[in-house]
C-alpha atoms as a PDB file:
ATOM      1  CA  MET A   1       0.000   0.000   0.000  1.00  0.00           C
ATOM      2  CA  ASP A   2       1.305   3.439  -0.880  1.00  0.00           C
ATOM      3  CA  HIS A   3      -0.538   5.923   1.338  1.00  0.00           C
ATOM      4  CA  VAL A   4      -3.817   6.792   3.073  1.00  0.00           C
ATOM      5  CA  THR A   5      -5.984   9.876   2.618  1.00  0.00           C
ATOM      6  CA  TYR A   6      -9.217  10.833   4.340  1.00  0.00           C
ATOM      7  CA  GLU A   7     -12.446  11.790   2.601  1.00  0.00           C
ATOM      8  CA  GLU A   8     -15.902  12.730   3.803  1.00  0.00           C
ATOM      9  CA  PHE A   9     -18.844  10.575   2.691  1.00  0.00           C
ATOM     10  CA  LYS A  10     -22.576  10.681   3.382  1.00  0.00           C
ATOM     11  CA  ASN A  11     -23.983   7.653   5.187  1.00  0.00           C
ATOM     12  CA  ASP A  12     -27.758   7.736   5.729  1.00  0.00           C
ATOM     13  CA  GLY A  13     -27.584  11.532   5.591  1.00  0.00           C
ATOM     14  CA  ARG A  14     -24.719  11.809   8.092  1.00  0.00           C
ATOM     15  CA  ALA A  15     -21.236  12.945   7.145  1.00  0.00           C
ATOM     16  CA  GLU A  16     -18.508  10.417   7.948  1.00  0.00           C
ATOM     17  CA  THR A  17     -14.784  10.697   7.410  1.00  0.00           C
ATOM     18  CA  LYS A  18     -13.270   7.463   6.081  1.00  0.00           C
ATOM     19  CA  ALA A  19      -9.771   6.270   5.300  1.00  0.00           C
ATOM     20  CA  VAL A  20      -9.032   5.770   1.601  1.00  0.00           C
ATOM     21  CA  LEU A  21      -6.251   3.304   0.795  1.00  0.00           C
ATOM     22  CA  HIS A  22      -4.095   4.167  -2.227  1.00  0.00           C
ATOM     23  CA  PHE A  23      -1.907   1.594  -3.945  1.00  0.00           C
ATOM     24  CA  LYS A  24       1.389   1.539  -5.833  1.00  0.00           C
ATOM     25  CA  GLY A  25       1.399   0.941  -9.544  1.00  0.00           C
ATOM     26  CA  ASN A  26      -1.116   1.722 -12.196  1.00  0.00           C
ATOM     27  CA  GLY A  27      -4.670   0.541 -12.600  1.00  0.00           C
ATOM     28  CA  THR A  28      -5.764  -0.160  -9.027  1.00  0.00           C
ATOM     29  CA  LYS A  29      -8.367   2.278  -7.829  1.00  0.00           C
ATOM     30  CA  PRO A  30      -8.228   3.560  -4.253  1.00  0.00           C
ATOM     31  CA  LEU A  31     -10.287   1.595  -1.735  1.00  0.00           C
ATOM     32  CA  VAL A  32     -12.586   3.333   0.735  1.00  0.00           C
ATOM     33  CA  ALA A  33     -11.917   1.343   3.898  1.00  0.00           C
ATOM     34  CA  ASN A  34     -14.940   0.290   5.898  1.00  0.00           C
ATOM     35  CA  LYS A  35     -14.723  -0.431   9.633  1.00  0.00           C
ATOM     36  CA  THR A  36     -13.792  -4.092   9.092  1.00  0.00           C
ATOM     37  CA  ASN A  37     -10.977  -3.303   6.643  1.00  0.00           C
ATOM     38  CA  CYS A  38      -9.656  -0.580   8.952  1.00  0.00           C
ATOM     39  CA  LEU A  39      -9.522  -3.075  11.830  1.00  0.00           C
ATOM     40  CA  LEU A  40      -7.728  -5.548   9.563  1.00  0.00           C
ATOM     41  CA  MET A  41      -5.219  -2.851   8.570  1.00  0.00           C
ATOM     42  CA  VAL A  42      -4.570  -2.074  12.251  1.00  0.00           C
ATOM     43  CA  SER A  43      -3.754  -5.746  12.774  1.00  0.00           C
ATOM     44  CA  LEU A  44      -1.629  -6.096   9.627  1.00  0.00           C
ATOM     45  CA  ALA A  45       0.290  -2.827  10.036  1.00  0.00           C
ATOM     46  CA  GLY A  46       0.624  -3.088  13.801  1.00  0.00           C
ATOM     47  CA  SER A  47      -0.659   0.455  14.328  1.00  0.00           C
ATOM     48  CA  ASP A  48      -4.031   2.106  14.794  1.00  0.00           C
ATOM     49  CA  ASP A  49      -2.651   5.262  13.153  1.00  0.00           C
ATOM     50  CA  ALA A  50      -3.505   5.089   9.438  1.00  0.00           C
ATOM     51  CA  ASP A  51      -0.520   7.306   8.689  1.00  0.00           C
ATOM     52  CA  ASP A  52       1.643   4.308   9.677  1.00  0.00           C
ATOM     53  CA  TRP A  53      -0.022   1.928   7.189  1.00  0.00           C
ATOM     54  CA  ALA A  54       2.026   3.029   4.158  1.00  0.00           C
ATOM     55  CA  GLY A  55       4.327   0.270   2.957  1.00  0.00           C
ATOM     56  CA  THR A  56       2.236  -2.531   4.438  1.00  0.00           C
ATOM     57  CA  ARG A  57       2.094  -5.434   1.974  1.00  0.00           C
ATOM     58  CA  ILE A  58      -1.506  -6.532   1.538  1.00  0.00           C
ATOM     59  CA  THR A  59      -3.740  -8.365  -0.879  1.00  0.00           C
ATOM     60  CA  LEU A  60      -7.299  -7.479  -1.779  1.00  0.00           C
ATOM     61  CA  ALA A  61      -9.764 -10.352  -1.961  1.00  0.00           C
ATOM     62  CA  PRO A  62     -13.400 -10.444  -3.041  1.00  0.00           C
ATOM     63  CA  CYS A  63     -15.858 -11.925  -0.560  1.00  0.00           C
ATOM     64  CA  MET A  64     -19.561 -12.097   0.179  1.00  0.00           C
ATOM     65  CA  VAL A  65     -20.809 -10.219   3.266  1.00  0.00           C
ATOM     66  CA  SER A  66     -24.095  -9.464   4.958  1.00  0.00           C
ATOM     67  CA  PHE A  67     -24.969  -5.771   4.623  1.00  0.00           C
ATOM     68  CA  LYS A  68     -28.252  -4.269   5.780  1.00  0.00           C
ATOM     69  CA  GLY A  69     -29.963  -7.647   5.688  1.00  0.00           C
ATOM     70  CA  LYS A  70     -28.726  -8.619   2.225  1.00  0.00           C
ATOM     71  CA  VAL A  71     -25.756 -10.616   0.975  1.00  0.00           C
ATOM     72  CA  THR A  72     -23.527  -8.531  -1.269  1.00  0.00           C
ATOM     73  CA  GLU A  73     -20.030  -8.557  -2.751  1.00  0.00           C
ATOM     74  CA  SER A  74     -17.283  -6.768  -0.891  1.00  0.00           C
ATOM     75  CA  ILE A  75     -13.506  -6.456  -0.834  1.00  0.00           C
ATOM     76  CA  ARG A  76     -11.433  -7.541   2.148  1.00  0.00           C
ATOM     77  CA  VAL A  77      -7.879  -6.610   3.043  1.00  0.00           C
ATOM     78  CA  ASP A  78      -5.610  -9.534   3.894  1.00  0.00           C
ATOM     79  CA  SER A  79      -1.923 -10.155   4.464  1.00  0.00           C
ATOM     80  CA  ALA A  80       0.253 -10.627   1.416  1.00  0.00           C
ATOM     81  CA  PRO A  81       1.690 -14.137   1.022  1.00  0.00           C
ATOM     82  CA  GLU A  82       5.323 -14.043   2.083  1.00  0.00           C
ATOM     83  CA  HIS A  83       6.480 -16.326  -0.734  1.00  0.00           C
ATOM     84  CA  LEU A  84       5.566 -13.786  -3.444  1.00  0.00           C
ATOM     85  CA  GLU A  85       8.000 -11.166  -4.613  1.00  0.00           C
ATOM     86  CA  ALA A  86       6.991  -7.530  -4.206  1.00  0.00           C
ATOM     87  CA  GLU A  87       6.636  -7.121  -7.980  1.00  0.00           C
ATOM     88  CA  GLU A  88       4.091  -9.948  -8.103  1.00  0.00           C
ATOM     89  CA  ILE A  89       1.799  -8.400  -5.521  1.00  0.00           C
ATOM     90  CA  GLU A  90       2.444  -4.693  -5.909  1.00  0.00           C
ATOM     91  CA  ILE A  91      -0.899  -2.995  -6.552  1.00  0.00           C
END
């Protein structure tokens, strides 16, 4: 992961500031981190300060989650496999 910015979003009419994960390389769009992905990043990066998350090697994986009573597709942050070279997983 390259860096984190913060953006304001509307959620049920309320303004919320969320972390946005930006990635190295071309073609991967930034990911607005929900609460679950932020907690995963805290665990993976070893810090609850998002400014410390830069440089953390992660993978993004699709998964199905329950959201507002419905099952929907989502993206989850996970640790990068250690056996892969940085060039193979750099996003």
